[in-house]
């Protein structure tokens, strides 16, 4: 048996595939491609397919990962070629290789938000000493928190008729900040509801800043 980490992008209409459905889609693609998957033992046998950091519904992802376990040896190039042909529109297989890092090593993620105008207003918002926001707990209650410490990095660029905001945010099993929390706090800052931005997760990183692979 051999564990393989597959990197793929999830763009276009595929961004509306939920994490649960993505798992089903990828398993169907793996079977269609004839990949020799290893199946768990027991009463309810299923292929070993795991995702390190689930992507929020509606977000695009440029460097997503999926771990599988092969029952028989297969060259990485052949695996990529077969799975690329069997994958649906919006799912592009980028590479396959032995895993380097464990999922528990993921510490942060970089996101790109695209929205109309208001570059200077966004800059003033991010320059606040504190950025108050409300987040629902696992118990269903709301708690107030300060998002300022979560802004590990930020960059604002002006595009033709749009603004591009790039954020590096915590992304781990113990501390994850969804960029839409930042967006919600921004809406309260300007005093009105605003349409959600186009969000793309660019990559995820380990604690020492290396890309997760």
Protein backbone atom coordinates (compact mmCIF):
# COMPACT_ATOMS: atom_id res chain seq x y z
CA UNK A 1 0.00 0.00 0.00
CA UNK A 2 1.08 3.57 -0.64
CA UNK A 3 -0.36 6.90 0.47
CA UNK A 4 -0.57 9.56 -2.23
CA UNK A 5 -1.44 13.24 -1.90
CA UNK A 6 -3.30 14.66 -4.89
CA UNK A 7 -3.37 18.40 -5.50
CA UNK A 8 -6.28 19.88 -7.43
CA UNK A 9 -8.11 23.12 -8.09
CA UNK A 10 -11.83 23.68 -7.58
CA UNK A 11 -13.09 26.59 -9.64
CA UNK A 12 -16.06 27.86 -11.65
CA UNK A 13 -19.31 26.05 -11.01
CA UNK A 14 -17.46 23.44 -8.94
CA UNK A 15 -17.17 25.98 -6.11
CA UNK A 16 -20.82 25.24 -5.33
CA UNK A 17 -20.07 21.58 -4.63
CA UNK A 18 -20.29 21.06 -0.87
CA UNK A 19 -17.51 19.25 0.96
CA UNK A 20 -19.68 16.15 1.43
CA UNK A 21 -20.60 16.08 -2.24
CA UNK A 22 -16.98 16.74 -3.24
CA UNK A 23 -15.95 13.56 -1.46
CA UNK A 24 -18.56 11.63 -3.45
CA UNK A 25 -17.57 13.31 -6.72
CA UNK A 26 -13.91 12.51 -6.23
CA UNK A 27 -14.60 8.89 -5.29
CA UNK A 28 -16.67 8.46 -8.45
CA UNK A 29 -13.87 10.02 -10.51
CA UNK A 30 -11.29 7.73 -8.92
CA UNK A 31 -13.39 4.66 -9.73
CA UNK A 32 -14.05 5.89 -13.28
CA UNK A 33 -10.31 6.41 -13.75
CA UNK A 34 -9.56 2.86 -12.64
CA UNK A 35 -7.32 3.93 -9.77
CA UNK A 36 -6.45 0.86 -7.59
CA UNK A 37 -7.77 2.26 -4.30
CA UNK A 38 -7.30 0.56 -0.97
CA UNK A 39 -10.59 -0.04 0.87
CA UNK A 40 -11.08 -0.10 4.61
CA UNK A 41 -11.93 -3.44 6.15
CA UNK A 42 -15.06 -4.29 8.12
CA UNK A 43 -18.81 -4.34 7.51
CA UNK A 44 -19.02 -0.99 5.69
CA UNK A 45 -15.99 -0.99 3.42
CA UNK A 46 -15.14 2.30 1.73
CA UNK A 47 -12.12 3.73 -0.11
CA UNK A 48 -9.50 5.61 1.88
CA UNK A 49 -10.03 9.20 0.69
CA UNK A 50 -9.46 12.16 3.01
CA UNK A 51 -9.26 15.95 2.70
CA UNK A 52 -6.96 17.92 5.01
CA UNK A 53 -8.76 21.29 5.12
CA UNK A 54 -12.37 21.37 3.82
CA UNK A 55 -13.17 24.37 1.65
CA UNK A 56 -16.22 26.50 2.42
CA UNK A 57 -19.13 26.30 0.00
CA UNK A 58 -18.91 28.98 -2.68
CA UNK A 59 -15.13 29.42 -2.35
CA UNK A 60 -12.75 28.59 -5.16
CA UNK A 61 -9.54 26.72 -4.28
CA UNK A 62 -6.34 26.73 -6.30
CA UNK A 63 -4.21 24.30 -4.28
CA UNK A 64 -6.57 21.82 -2.62
CA UNK A 65 -5.38 18.40 -1.44
CA UNK A 66 -6.85 14.92 -1.23
CA UNK A 67 -5.10 11.90 0.26
CA UNK A 68 -5.73 8.43 -1.10
CA UNK A 69 -4.22 5.01 -0.46
CA UNK A 70 -3.23 2.76 -3.37
CA UNK A 71 -3.58 -0.99 -3.16
CA UNK A 72 -1.25 -1.45 -6.14
CA UNK A 73 1.66 0.65 -7.37
CA UNK A 74 0.91 3.26 -10.05
CA UNK A 75 3.15 5.97 -11.47
CA UNK A 76 2.18 9.47 -10.35
CA UNK A 77 2.08 10.72 -13.94
CA UNK A 78 -0.35 7.98 -14.97
CA UNK A 79 -2.54 8.62 -11.94
CA UNK A 80 -2.76 12.33 -12.74
CA UNK A 81 -3.51 11.68 -16.43
CA UNK A 82 -6.27 9.15 -15.73
CA UNK A 83 -7.90 11.17 -12.96
CA UNK A 84 -7.72 14.40 -14.94
CA UNK A 85 -9.72 12.82 -17.76
CA UNK A 86 -12.30 11.39 -15.32
CA UNK A 87 -12.85 14.57 -13.29
CA UNK A 88 -15.87 16.87 -13.84
CA UNK A 89 -15.80 20.45 -15.08
CA UNK A 90 -14.21 22.78 -12.54
CA UNK A 91 -12.06 20.11 -10.90
CA UNK A 92 -8.52 20.14 -12.33
CA UNK A 93 -5.96 17.59 -11.12
CA UNK A 94 -2.58 19.30 -10.71
CA UNK A 95 -0.20 16.69 -9.29
CA UNK A 96 0.23 13.51 -7.30
CA UNK A 97 3.11 12.69 -4.96
CA UNK A 98 4.04 11.24 -1.59
CA UNK A 99 2.75 13.37 1.28
CA UNK A 100 5.34 15.55 3.03
CA UNK A 101 3.36 17.15 5.86
CA UNK A 102 0.64 15.80 8.13
CA UNK A 103 -2.78 17.54 8.09
CA UNK A 104 -2.25 18.56 11.71
CA UNK A 105 0.66 20.75 10.60
CA UNK A 106 -1.63 23.14 8.69
CA UNK A 107 -1.58 26.53 10.43
CA UNK A 108 -2.76 29.19 7.97
CA UNK A 109 -4.40 29.81 4.60
CA UNK A 110 -4.15 32.62 2.07
CA UNK A 111 -7.38 33.99 0.58
CA UNK A 112 -8.10 36.45 -2.20
CA UNK A 113 -11.29 38.51 -2.05
CA UNK A 114 -12.49 40.45 -5.10
CA UNK A 115 -15.17 43.11 -4.71
CA UNK A 116 -16.29 46.39 -6.35
CA UNK A 117 -14.38 49.56 -5.38
CA UNK A 118 -14.08 50.93 -1.83
CA UNK A 119 -10.33 50.31 -1.56
CA UNK A 120 -9.64 53.19 0.82
CA UNK A 121 -12.66 52.34 2.98
CA UNK A 122 -11.37 48.79 3.32
CA UNK A 123 -7.94 50.13 4.23
CA UNK A 124 -9.41 52.29 7.01
CA UNK A 125 -11.35 49.27 8.26
CA UNK A 126 -8.26 47.07 8.45
CA UNK A 127 -6.24 49.86 10.12
CA UNK A 128 -8.51 49.85 13.18
CA UNK A 129 -6.88 48.93 16.49
CA UNK A 130 -9.53 46.24 16.96
CA UNK A 131 -11.88 44.53 14.53
CA UNK A 132 -14.92 43.29 16.49
CA UNK A 133 -16.90 40.40 15.03
CA UNK A 134 -19.48 37.84 16.11
CA UNK A 135 -18.95 34.13 15.61
CA UNK A 136 -21.28 31.22 16.35
CA UNK A 137 -19.85 28.64 18.75
CA UNK A 138 -20.28 24.86 18.47
CA UNK A 139 -23.05 25.16 21.08
CA UNK A 140 -24.98 27.53 18.82
CA UNK A 141 -24.40 30.66 20.91
CA UNK A 142 -22.78 33.85 19.62
CA UNK A 143 -19.52 35.21 20.97
CA UNK A 144 -17.73 38.48 20.26
CA UNK A 145 -14.08 38.37 19.27
CA UNK A 146 -11.37 40.62 17.92
CA UNK A 147 -10.23 39.64 14.43
CA UNK A 148 -7.25 41.99 14.35
CA UNK A 149 -4.75 39.38 15.67
CA UNK A 150 -6.00 36.97 12.99
CA UNK A 151 -4.76 39.23 10.19
CA UNK A 152 -1.40 37.53 9.83
CA UNK A 153 -0.79 39.29 6.51
CA UNK A 154 -2.81 41.59 4.28
CA UNK A 155 -2.45 43.28 0.92
CA UNK A 156 -4.84 45.54 -0.98
CA UNK A 157 -4.61 46.11 -4.73
CA UNK A 158 -6.69 48.26 -7.02
CA UNK A 159 -8.02 46.50 -10.12
CA UNK A 160 -10.07 48.04 -12.97
CA UNK A 161 -13.37 48.79 -11.23
CA UNK A 162 -12.58 46.34 -8.42
CA UNK A 163 -10.50 45.84 -5.31
CA UNK A 164 -8.39 42.77 -4.53
CA UNK A 165 -7.82 41.98 -0.87
CA UNK A 166 -5.39 39.19 0.02
CA UNK A 167 -5.44 37.86 3.59
CA UNK A 168 -3.37 35.28 5.44
CA UNK A 169 -5.60 33.86 8.19
CA UNK A 170 -5.34 31.08 10.81
CA UNK A 171 -6.48 27.69 9.49
CA UNK A 172 -6.05 24.81 11.92
CA UNK A 173 -8.10 22.34 13.94
CA UNK A 174 -7.99 24.67 16.95
CA UNK A 175 -8.14 28.11 15.33
CA UNK A 176 -9.73 28.85 11.96
CA UNK A 177 -10.96 32.22 10.72
CA UNK A 178 -13.28 32.27 7.73
CA UNK A 179 -12.61 35.35 5.53
CA UNK A 180 -16.36 36.00 5.45
CA UNK A 181 -16.09 36.86 9.16
CA UNK A 182 -13.83 39.72 8.10
CA UNK A 183 -16.33 40.65 5.40
CA UNK A 184 -19.23 40.67 7.85
CA UNK A 185 -17.29 42.92 10.21
CA UNK A 186 -16.54 45.22 7.28
CA UNK A 187 -20.25 45.47 6.48
CA UNK A 188 -20.97 46.55 10.04
CA UNK A 189 -18.10 49.05 9.82
CA UNK A 190 -19.66 50.81 6.81
CA UNK A 191 -23.16 50.43 8.23
CA UNK A 192 -24.86 48.47 5.46
CA UNK A 193 -25.21 45.00 4.04
CA UNK A 194 -23.07 44.29 1.01
CA UNK A 195 -22.96 41.37 -1.45
CA UNK A 196 -20.44 38.67 -0.66
CA UNK A 197 -17.10 38.97 -2.49
CA UNK A 198 -15.58 36.41 -4.80
CA UNK A 199 -13.37 34.33 -2.51
CA UNK A 200 -10.49 32.12 -3.60
CA UNK A 201 -8.26 30.11 -1.29
CA UNK A 202 -4.81 30.42 -2.84
CA UNK A 203 -2.94 27.92 -0.69
CA UNK A 204 -2.53 26.54 2.84
CA UNK A 205 0.67 26.61 4.90
CA UNK A 206 2.40 24.96 7.82
CA UNK A 207 3.44 26.87 10.94
CA UNK A 208 6.85 27.66 9.44
CA UNK A 209 5.24 29.19 6.35
CA UNK A 210 5.87 26.31 3.94
CA UNK A 211 3.12 25.31 1.48
CA UNK A 212 1.26 22.22 2.70
CA UNK A 213 2.22 19.29 0.50
